C-alpha atoms as a PDB file:
ATOM      1  CA  MET A   1      14.509 -30.379 -25.132  1.00  0.00           C
ATOM      2  CA  SER A   2      15.423 -32.864 -22.336  1.00  0.00           C
ATOM      3  CA  GLU A   3      17.365 -36.279 -23.004  1.00  0.00           C
ATOM      4  CA  GLN A   4      17.970 -38.989 -20.981  1.00  0.00           C
ATOM      5  CA  THR A   5      20.272 -41.857 -21.934  1.00  0.00           C
ATOM      6  CA  ALA A   6      20.819 -45.712 -20.978  1.00  0.00           C
ATOM      7  CA  THR A   7      22.918 -48.621 -22.468  1.00  0.00           C
ATOM      8  CA  TRP A   8      19.567 -49.556 -24.894  1.00  0.00           C
ATOM      9  CA  TYR A   9      17.375 -46.774 -25.171  1.00  0.00           C
ATOM     10  CA  ASN A  10      16.971 -43.093 -25.597  1.00  0.00           C
ATOM     11  CA  LEU A  11      14.207 -41.271 -23.318  1.00  0.00           C
ATOM     12  CA  PHE A  12      13.248 -37.352 -24.946  1.00  0.00           C
ATOM     13  CA  ASP A  13      10.915 -35.099 -23.681  1.00  0.00           C
ATOM     14  CA  ALA A  14       8.709 -34.322 -26.791  1.00  0.00           C
ATOM     15  CA  ARG A  15       6.566 -31.979 -25.523  1.00  0.00           C
ATOM     16  CA  PRO A  16       7.652 -28.490 -27.285  1.00  0.00           C
ATOM     17  CA  GLN A  17       9.252 -25.729 -24.814  1.00  0.00           C
ATOM     18  CA  GLY A  18       9.803 -21.704 -24.834  1.00  0.00           C
ATOM     19  CA  GLU A  19       8.238 -20.368 -27.785  1.00  0.00           C
ATOM     20  CA  VAL A  20       7.739 -23.200 -29.851  1.00  0.00           C
ATOM     21  CA  PRO A  21       3.458 -23.359 -30.166  1.00  0.00           C
ATOM     22  CA  ALA A  22       1.528 -26.294 -29.910  1.00  0.00           C
ATOM     23  CA  GLU A  23      -2.294 -26.793 -31.198  1.00  0.00           C
ATOM     24  CA  SER A  24      -4.699 -28.618 -30.107  1.00  0.00           C
ATOM     25  CA  PRO A  25      -5.568 -32.122 -32.739  1.00  0.00           C
ATOM     26  CA  LEU A  26      -8.913 -29.645 -32.909  1.00  0.00           C
ATOM     27  CA  ALA A  27      -7.365 -26.016 -33.597  1.00  0.00           C
ATOM     28  CA  TRP A  28      -8.611 -26.037 -37.692  1.00  0.00           C
ATOM     29  CA  SER A  29     -11.767 -27.698 -36.898  1.00  0.00           C
ATOM     30  CA  TYR A  30     -12.727 -24.651 -34.371  1.00  0.00           C
ATOM     31  CA  HIS A  31     -11.587 -22.395 -36.629  1.00  0.00           C
ATOM     32  CA  HIS A  32     -13.315 -23.973 -39.682  1.00  0.00           C
ATOM     33  CA  SER A  33     -16.688 -25.753 -38.882  1.00  0.00           C
ATOM     34  CA  GLY A  34     -16.981 -23.502 -35.933  1.00  0.00           C
ATOM     35  CA  ARG A  35     -17.477 -24.030 -31.807  1.00  0.00           C
ATOM     36  CA  PRO A  36     -21.060 -24.441 -31.195  1.00  0.00           C
ATOM     37  CA  SER A  37     -21.948 -22.466 -27.068  1.00  0.00           C
ATOM     38  CA  VAL A  38     -23.315 -24.451 -24.446  1.00  0.00           C
ATOM     39  CA  SER A  39     -26.599 -23.056 -23.674  1.00  0.00           C
ATOM     40  CA  GLN A  40     -29.523 -24.162 -21.507  1.00  0.00           C
ATOM     41  CA  LYS A  41     -31.013 -26.253 -24.457  1.00  0.00           C
ATOM     42  CA  SER A  42     -27.677 -28.166 -24.843  1.00  0.00           C
ATOM     43  CA  ARG A  43     -28.431 -31.731 -24.273  1.00  0.00           C
ATOM     44  CA  VAL A  44     -25.106 -33.018 -25.533  1.00  0.00           C
ATOM     45  CA  VAL A  45     -21.614 -31.338 -24.301  1.00  0.00           C
ATOM     46  CA  LEU A  46     -18.426 -32.085 -25.869  1.00  0.00           C
ATOM     47  CA  ARG A  47     -15.138 -30.875 -24.379  1.00  0.00           C
ATOM     48  CA  GLU A  48     -11.794 -31.952 -26.219  1.00  0.00           C
ATOM     49  CA  ARG A  49      -9.149 -32.849 -23.308  1.00  0.00           C
ATOM     50  CA  ALA A  50      -6.512 -31.789 -25.167  1.00  0.00           C
ATOM     51  CA  MET A  51      -2.595 -32.111 -25.182  1.00  0.00           C
ATOM     52  CA  ALA A  52      -2.799 -34.802 -22.053  1.00  0.00           C
ATOM     53  CA  GLY A  53      -0.383 -37.245 -21.840  1.00  0.00           C
ATOM     54  CA  HIS A  54      -0.682 -40.572 -23.759  1.00  0.00           C
ATOM     55  CA  LEU A  55       1.535 -43.297 -22.489  1.00  0.00           C
ATOM     56  CA  ILE A  56       1.170 -47.610 -23.783  1.00  0.00           C
ATOM     57  CA  LEU A  57       2.654 -49.972 -21.537  1.00  0.00           C
ATOM     58  CA  ARG A  58       3.492 -53.625 -22.339  1.00  0.00           C
ATOM     59  CA  GLY A  59       5.086 -56.464 -20.394  1.00  0.00           C
ATOM     60  CA  GLY A  60       4.059 -58.702 -17.965  1.00  0.00           C
ATOM     61  CA  ALA A  61       1.224 -57.596 -15.816  1.00  0.00           C
ATOM     62  CA  ILE A  62       3.025 -58.425 -12.671  1.00  0.00           C
ATOM     63  CA  VAL A  63       5.623 -56.828 -12.772  1.00  0.00           C
ATOM     64  CA  LEU A  64       3.866 -53.872 -14.904  1.00  0.00           C
ATOM     65  CA  ASP A  65       1.602 -53.546 -12.052  1.00  0.00           C
ATOM     66  CA  GLU A  66       4.004 -53.548  -9.071  1.00  0.00           C
ATOM     67  CA  ALA A  67       5.539 -50.637 -10.916  1.00  0.00           C
ATOM     68  CA  VAL A  68       2.354 -48.442 -11.698  1.00  0.00           C
ATOM     69  CA  ARG A  69       1.194 -48.258  -8.206  1.00  0.00           C
ATOM     70  CA  GLY A  70       4.558 -46.988  -7.263  1.00  0.00           C
ATOM     71  CA  VAL A  71       4.714 -44.099  -9.462  1.00  0.00           C
ATOM     72  CA  LEU A  72       0.964 -43.687  -9.759  1.00  0.00           C
ATOM     73  CA  GLY A  73      -0.806 -45.082  -6.513  1.00  0.00           C
ATOM     74  CA  VAL A  74      -3.170 -47.208  -8.895  1.00  0.00           C
ATOM     75  CA  GLY A  75      -2.981 -50.798  -9.989  1.00  0.00           C
ATOM     76  CA  LEU A  76      -3.369 -52.584 -13.605  1.00  0.00           C
ATOM     77  CA  PRO A  77      -7.405 -53.051 -13.921  1.00  0.00           C
ATOM     78  CA  GLY A  78      -7.400 -56.564 -13.355  1.00  0.00           C
ATOM     79  CA  ARG A  79     -10.079 -57.549 -15.874  1.00  0.00           C
ATOM     80  CA  PRO A  80     -10.261 -57.116 -19.636  1.00  0.00           C
ATOM     81  CA  ASN A  81     -11.474 -53.695 -21.502  1.00  0.00           C
ATOM     82  CA  THR A  82     -12.084 -52.010 -18.078  1.00  0.00           C
ATOM     83  CA  LEU A  83     -10.276 -48.630 -16.881  1.00  0.00           C
ATOM     84  CA  THR A  84      -9.621 -47.773 -13.711  1.00  0.00           C
ATOM     85  CA  LEU A  85      -8.967 -43.895 -12.353  1.00  0.00           C
ATOM     86  CA  ASP A  86      -7.403 -42.276  -9.637  1.00  0.00           C
ATOM     87  CA  GLU A  87      -8.671 -40.456  -6.196  1.00  0.00           C
ATOM     88  CA  GLY A  88      -8.916 -37.197  -8.031  1.00  0.00           C
ATOM     89  CA  GLY A  89      -9.922 -38.632 -11.531  1.00  0.00           C
ATOM     90  CA  GLU A  90      -7.552 -37.152 -13.828  1.00  0.00           C
ATOM     91  CA  ARG A  91      -5.634 -39.996 -14.208  1.00  0.00           C
ATOM     92  CA  SER A  92      -6.140 -43.241 -16.376  1.00  0.00           C
ATOM     93  CA  ILE A  93      -4.878 -46.233 -16.779  1.00  0.00           C
ATOM     94  CA  GLN A  94      -6.756 -48.737 -19.331  1.00  0.00           C
ATOM     95  CA  TRP A  95      -6.440 -52.358 -20.211  1.00  0.00           C
ATOM     96  CA  LEU A  96      -6.385 -52.988 -24.266  1.00  0.00           C
ATOM     97  CA  SER A  97      -4.926 -56.152 -24.513  1.00  0.00           C
ATOM     98  CA  PRO A  98      -3.939 -59.278 -22.271  1.00  0.00           C
ATOM     99  CA  ASP A  99      -0.372 -57.404 -22.108  1.00  0.00           C
ATOM    100  CA  GLU A 100      -1.248 -54.057 -23.075  1.00  0.00           C
ATOM    101  CA  TRP A 101      -2.902 -50.379 -21.445  1.00  0.00           C
ATOM    102  CA  LEU A 102      -2.827 -47.610 -22.035  1.00  0.00           C
ATOM    103  CA  VAL A 103      -2.250 -44.819 -19.365  1.00  0.00           C
ATOM    104  CA  ILE A 104      -3.758 -40.745 -19.338  1.00  0.00           C
ATOM    105  CA  VAL A 105      -2.394 -38.276 -17.518  1.00  0.00           C
ATOM    106  CA  PRO A 106      -3.117 -34.524 -17.179  1.00  0.00           C
ATOM    107  CA  GLY A 107      -0.681 -33.138 -20.084  1.00  0.00           C
ATOM    108  CA  GLY A 108       3.274 -32.168 -18.924  1.00  0.00           C
ATOM    109  CA  GLU A 109       3.537 -35.008 -16.812  1.00  0.00           C
ATOM    110  CA  GLU A 110       3.784 -38.053 -19.380  1.00  0.00           C
ATOM    111  CA  PHE A 111       7.446 -37.523 -19.560  1.00  0.00           C
ATOM    112  CA  THR A 112       8.075 -37.566 -15.517  1.00  0.00           C
ATOM    113  CA  LEU A 113       5.813 -40.475 -15.434  1.00  0.00           C
ATOM    114  CA  GLU A 114       7.736 -41.969 -18.119  1.00  0.00           C
ATOM    115  CA  THR A 115      11.237 -41.987 -16.682  1.00  0.00           C
ATOM    116  CA  ARG A 116       9.713 -42.830 -13.177  1.00  0.00           C
ATOM    117  CA  LEU A 117       8.095 -45.421 -14.488  1.00  0.00           C
ATOM    118  CA  ARG A 118      11.325 -46.854 -16.228  1.00  0.00           C
ATOM    119  CA  GLU A 119      14.096 -46.546 -13.268  1.00  0.00           C
ATOM    120  CA  ALA A 120      11.102 -49.049 -11.471  1.00  0.00           C
ATOM    121  CA  LEU A 121      10.729 -51.330 -14.050  1.00  0.00           C
ATOM    122  CA  GLY A 122      14.680 -51.813 -14.159  1.00  0.00           C
ATOM    123  CA  ASP A 123      15.921 -54.631 -16.500  1.00  0.00           C
ATOM    124  CA  ALA A 124      11.865 -56.250 -17.026  1.00  0.00           C
ATOM    125  CA  HIS A 125      10.901 -56.970 -19.956  1.00  0.00           C
ATOM    126  CA  TYR A 126       8.790 -55.015 -21.112  1.00  0.00           C
ATOM    127  CA  ALA A 127       7.812 -51.919 -23.684  1.00  0.00           C
ATOM    128  CA  ILE A 128       6.566 -47.643 -22.818  1.00  0.00           C
ATOM    129  CA  VAL A 129       5.426 -45.586 -25.817  1.00  0.00           C
ATOM    130  CA  ASN A 130       4.764 -42.079 -25.489  1.00  0.00           C
ATOM    131  CA  ALA A 131       1.538 -41.401 -28.078  1.00  0.00           C
ATOM    132  CA  SER A 132       0.557 -38.100 -26.646  1.00  0.00           C
ATOM    133  CA  GLY A 133       1.521 -36.359 -29.949  1.00  0.00           C
ATOM    134  CA  GLY A 134      -1.005 -38.592 -31.910  1.00  0.00           C
ATOM    135  CA  GLN A 135      -3.898 -39.096 -29.787  1.00  0.00           C
ATOM    136  CA  THR A 136      -6.268 -36.637 -28.398  1.00  0.00           C
ATOM    137  CA  LEU A 137      -9.670 -37.296 -25.976  1.00  0.00           C
ATOM    138  CA  LEU A 138     -12.576 -36.116 -26.189  1.00  0.00           C
ATOM    139  CA  GLU A 139     -15.481 -36.053 -23.353  1.00  0.00           C
ATOM    140  CA  LEU A 140     -19.280 -36.488 -24.119  1.00  0.00           C
ATOM    141  CA  THR A 141     -21.755 -35.470 -21.346  1.00  0.00           C
ATOM    142  CA  GLY A 142     -25.235 -34.211 -20.857  1.00  0.00           C
ATOM    143  CA  GLU A 143     -28.728 -36.222 -20.726  1.00  0.00           C
ATOM    144  CA  LYS A 144     -28.645 -37.286 -25.007  1.00  0.00           C
ATOM    145  CA  ALA A 145     -24.918 -38.382 -24.974  1.00  0.00           C
ATOM    146  CA  ARG A 146     -25.684 -42.158 -24.847  1.00  0.00           C
ATOM    147  CA  GLU A 147     -28.085 -41.528 -27.929  1.00  0.00           C
ATOM    148  CA  LEU A 148     -25.449 -39.464 -29.847  1.00  0.00           C
ATOM    149  CA  LEU A 149     -23.318 -42.903 -29.190  1.00  0.00           C
ATOM    150  CA  MET A 150     -25.977 -44.881 -30.564  1.00  0.00           C
ATOM    151  CA  LYS A 151     -25.927 -43.018 -34.093  1.00  0.00           C
ATOM    152  CA  SER A 152     -22.095 -43.517 -34.044  1.00  0.00           C
ATOM    153  CA  THR A 153     -20.741 -46.993 -33.497  1.00  0.00           C
ATOM    154  CA  PRO A 154     -22.548 -50.712 -33.585  1.00  0.00           C
ATOM    155  CA  TYR A 155     -21.250 -51.223 -29.937  1.00  0.00           C
ATOM    156  CA  ASP A 156     -24.188 -51.785 -27.435  1.00  0.00           C
ATOM    157  CA  VAL A 157     -23.826 -48.505 -25.128  1.00  0.00           C
ATOM    158  CA  HIS A 158     -27.045 -49.421 -23.037  1.00  0.00           C
ATOM    159  CA  PRO A 159     -25.734 -49.356 -18.878  1.00  0.00           C
ATOM    160  CA  GLU A 160     -26.413 -53.064 -18.683  1.00  0.00           C
ATOM    161  CA  ALA A 161     -23.672 -53.646 -21.432  1.00  0.00           C
ATOM    162  CA  PHE A 162     -21.234 -50.711 -20.899  1.00  0.00           C
ATOM    163  CA  PRO A 163     -21.404 -50.333 -16.969  1.00  0.00           C
ATOM    164  CA  VAL A 164     -18.950 -47.180 -15.827  1.00  0.00           C
ATOM    165  CA  GLY A 165     -15.397 -48.357 -15.738  1.00  0.00           C
ATOM    166  CA  LYS A 166     -15.178 -50.123 -19.343  1.00  0.00           C
ATOM    167  CA  GLY A 167     -13.420 -49.295 -22.117  1.00  0.00           C
ATOM    168  CA  VAL A 168     -13.643 -50.870 -25.833  1.00  0.00           C
ATOM    169  CA  THR A 169     -11.290 -50.599 -28.965  1.00  0.00           C
ATOM    170  CA  THR A 170     -14.266 -49.927 -31.596  1.00  0.00           C
ATOM    171  CA  VAL A 171     -15.484 -48.554 -34.864  1.00  0.00           C
ATOM    172  CA  PHE A 172     -17.062 -44.737 -34.516  1.00  0.00           C
ATOM    173  CA  ALA A 173     -18.480 -43.240 -37.781  1.00  0.00           C
ATOM    174  CA  LYS A 174     -16.390 -46.151 -39.815  1.00  0.00           C
ATOM    175  CA  ALA A 175     -13.022 -44.563 -37.644  1.00  0.00           C
ATOM    176  CA  ASN A 176     -11.451 -47.313 -35.181  1.00  0.00           C
ATOM    177  CA  LEU A 177     -10.888 -45.768 -31.404  1.00  0.00           C
ATOM    178  CA  ILE A 178     -11.195 -46.131 -27.641  1.00  0.00           C
ATOM    179  CA  LEU A 179     -14.798 -45.472 -26.215  1.00  0.00           C
ATOM    180  CA  ARG A 180     -14.466 -45.478 -22.764  1.00  0.00           C
ATOM    181  CA  ARG A 181     -17.479 -44.385 -19.469  1.00  0.00           C
ATOM    182  CA  PRO A 182     -15.297 -43.578 -16.851  1.00  0.00           C
ATOM    183  CA  THR A 183     -18.197 -41.935 -14.795  1.00  0.00           C
ATOM    184  CA  GLU A 184     -21.811 -42.071 -14.424  1.00  0.00           C
ATOM    185  CA  GLY A 185     -22.545 -39.266 -16.671  1.00  0.00           C
ATOM    186  CA  ARG A 186     -19.244 -39.033 -18.912  1.00  0.00           C
ATOM    187  CA  TRP A 187     -18.016 -40.694 -22.379  1.00  0.00           C
ATOM    188  CA  GLU A 188     -15.166 -40.683 -23.372  1.00  0.00           C
ATOM    189  CA  LEU A 189     -13.378 -40.703 -26.558  1.00  0.00           C
ATOM    190  CA  VAL A 190      -9.374 -41.758 -27.367  1.00  0.00           C
ATOM    191  CA  LEU A 191      -8.778 -41.063 -30.813  1.00  0.00           C
ATOM    192  CA  ARG A 192      -5.913 -40.374 -33.365  1.00  0.00           C
ATOM    193  CA  ARG A 193      -4.347 -37.830 -34.024  1.00  0.00           C
ATOM    194  CA  SER A 194      -5.502 -37.867 -37.574  1.00  0.00           C
ATOM    195  CA  PHE A 195      -9.084 -38.798 -36.952  1.00  0.00           C
ATOM    196  CA  ALA A 196      -9.989 -35.734 -35.244  1.00  0.00           C
ATOM    197  CA  ASP A 197     -11.412 -32.982 -38.084  1.00  0.00           C
ATOM    198  CA  TYR A 198     -13.416 -35.924 -39.107  1.00  0.00           C
ATOM    199  CA  LEU A 199     -14.958 -36.989 -35.971  1.00  0.00           C
ATOM    200  CA  TYR A 200     -15.422 -34.132 -34.264  1.00  0.00           C
ATOM    201  CA  ARG A 201     -17.050 -32.459 -37.935  1.00  0.00           C
ATOM    202  CA  TRP A 202     -19.331 -36.077 -37.289  1.00  0.00           C
ATOM    203  CA  ILE A 203     -20.141 -35.101 -33.879  1.00  0.00           C
ATOM    204  CA  LEU A 204     -21.002 -31.740 -33.949  1.00  0.00           C
ATOM    205  CA  ASP A 205     -23.960 -32.913 -37.425  1.00  0.00           C
ATOM    206  CA  ALA A 206     -24.828 -35.820 -35.132  1.00  0.00           C
ATOM    207  CA  GLY A 207     -25.856 -33.970 -31.737  1.00  0.00           C
ATOM    208  CA  ALA A 208     -27.414 -31.069 -33.806  1.00  0.00           C
ATOM    209  CA  GLU A 209     -30.632 -32.059 -32.930  1.00  0.00           C
ATOM    210  CA  TYR A 210     -30.036 -32.012 -29.672  1.00  0.00           C
ATOM    211  CA  ALA A 211     -28.728 -28.243 -29.496  1.00  0.00           C
ATOM    212  CA  ILE A 212     -24.593 -29.438 -29.135  1.00  0.00           C
ATOM    213  CA  GLY A 213     -22.211 -27.422 -27.292  1.00  0.00           C
ATOM    214  CA  VAL A 214     -18.486 -27.130 -27.186  1.00  0.00           C
ATOM    215  CA  GLU A 215     -17.276 -25.859 -23.842  1.00  0.00           C
ATOM    216  CA  GLU A 216     -14.002 -24.090 -24.504  1.00  0.00           C
END
């Protein structure tokens, strides 16, 4: 386990290394609830983007924006309830509140990213929390993905109310999560690890009429 110390914080790389096993938040669910295969009949497809890096940033927008641009090459979203993606679409930054943002990067990048951000921010007033172990991200695609969402959340997911690039904190099947639409055909659910099994089983049930399939 790596460690970097300073006069006011300890920074740890919490990702398991060596022989320590790391399991997806849905590993238990796949075993006990099944994992329906994707077929030509599947009009909704579910995929877990497991083990991604999740960082919560808090602080002044101007200071954080400069640091994030220098490290990630993309700036903070300029409007509430929006998100920005890098050119490859693998890294995102989402507005959560006036002084809070969620950064999601491919798994394994979060420790280096946090280290570089702290170096760039120096003595500025900010907070960075690595929430990677407590969250996961589910992707929904397919022609009936929006219909599945309509059965699961009270939030209006009509394209006029929920355009590409929007992301909100809302209720989904009585659980709190972040609902995002990064591209035209893809929806994302960012949820707590403790809700993963419950929401997986809900989504399988809600998507049964659409022959939902789960990608490997």
